[in-house]
Amino acid sequence: MRIRKVERHASLLRFTAGPTLIRWTRDARFESPQRWMSRKSERLQSKIQNRSESSAAAIVALILLTMFDACGKSANGPQSIPPVPVLTATAVRKTVPNQLDEIGTVEAFATVNVKSRIEGHLVEIHFKEGDFVSEAQLLFSLDARPAAAAVRQNEANLARDQAQAAQARTDEQRYLYLWQQKVGSRQQYDQAHASATTWAATVDADKAALDTARLNLAYTEIHSPIDGRTGNLQSHIGDLIKPDADTPMVTITRIQPIYVSFSIPERELAAVREQMKLHPLEVDATIPGANPQIPHEHGVLSFVDNTVDRTTGTILLKGLFANENLRLWPGAFVNASLTLSAFRDAVVVPAEAVQTGPQGTFVFVVGADRRAAVQPVATGAQVNGQIVIERGLSAGQTVVTDGQLRLVPGSLVTVKQSL
């Protein structure tokens, strides 16, 4: 084999002989190209691993250095933590009503479905849908001509039968005289007496028929039976009105005064009955979504049902409201509050101030040094967004109402007007 080229390196000689590469190392061993590439790859992987271990060691050293530096700063003095912004309120002492809050439904004081008593065509309507009408106000007029004709006919029948009755009475008197004078027979007198009695009864029947005809004539004018507000008009001019039809001509509801019905748990019934013996119970109604600046509707408890509903375990109550400003509307839902008694000189705080933890309810109290402290409390009734504190808090203490999530005992706080 002829050697074409010789290259010398510090540690090896490489001979190129034609297409074949032969590697000669210092230990005089010859390697194939595959073996040389394998050893080269192993060395490269070893270098990468050593560098990774060096980098990891450098990162660990940096973390330790940072920790030692932090410990050194802590030893020198505490870090500066900014105050936590919060909203606060002051616990106050006042009289709070003891109330039962339930969902109520407004009900009309009275509801009347107006229907006709006779048959006839509707010729006139004397109101508009939704109008307030008063008792005895004219609402509808039916065609009165048939009823008026019936009145005149019954008047004529009465006059005719009255004349016949007068003749029968005269005949009775005549036959009585003849019988007394032994001129006439008893049979003739009895016949005359029976005829007079019959015509007298006929006159009475005619009078009753005339009264009925006059009453039907009066029924052609339909009046409102109560004071109230009219609803949707179901009959129109030209309709043939049937007596006592399934569909009323109009419905009138009385909404002054008005009821608010609601149900309370049966366990509260004893307390309600006990308080009813002492004084009338007040009921307040709040309309959801209404302006909070407008006062609540005020009424009194007027009805307690005589049976507890077995399926729900509740009992129905009703409050009577004057509804002078017409804010309560039949069918609407309201928040009903029944006042049983009052908590006098109770300490109250906003409901947002009371928090719940593993040990029970508590509040964050802000001291004179503007630091927050946890103070366990026992809570009572909640009325109008305020909670009665039965024990654990005194009037005049400042409690946190917003921002509690960022507080820990001893946190420095700054009071804000809003967050």
Foldseek 3Di string as FASTA:
>chain_A
DDWDDWDDDPFWIWTDDDPATWTQGPVRDTDHPVVVVVVVVVVVVVVVVVVVVVVVVVVVVVVVVVVVVVVVVVVVHDDDDDFFEFAKDFWAWFKFFDKDKFKKFWAFPDKDFAAFAAKFFWADADDDAFDWDAAFAWGTAGPLVVLVVQLVVLVVQLVVLVVQLVVLVVQLVVQVVCVVVVNHDPVSNVVSVVSNVVSVVVNVVSVVSNVVSVVNSVSSTTTHHHTFTKHDADDDGGDTGHRPDPHGRIMGTHVQKIKIKTKDAPVCVVLQVVLVVVDWKKKWWAAPPDDPVDDTFIWTWDDWDPDQDPVVRITMTMTIGRCPVVPRDGGGMIIMMIGRGMDGRFTKDFPLQWDADPVGIWWWWQDPQQFTATWDFDWDDDDPRMITTPDGDDGGIMTTRDRCVPHDGGGHHDYDPDD
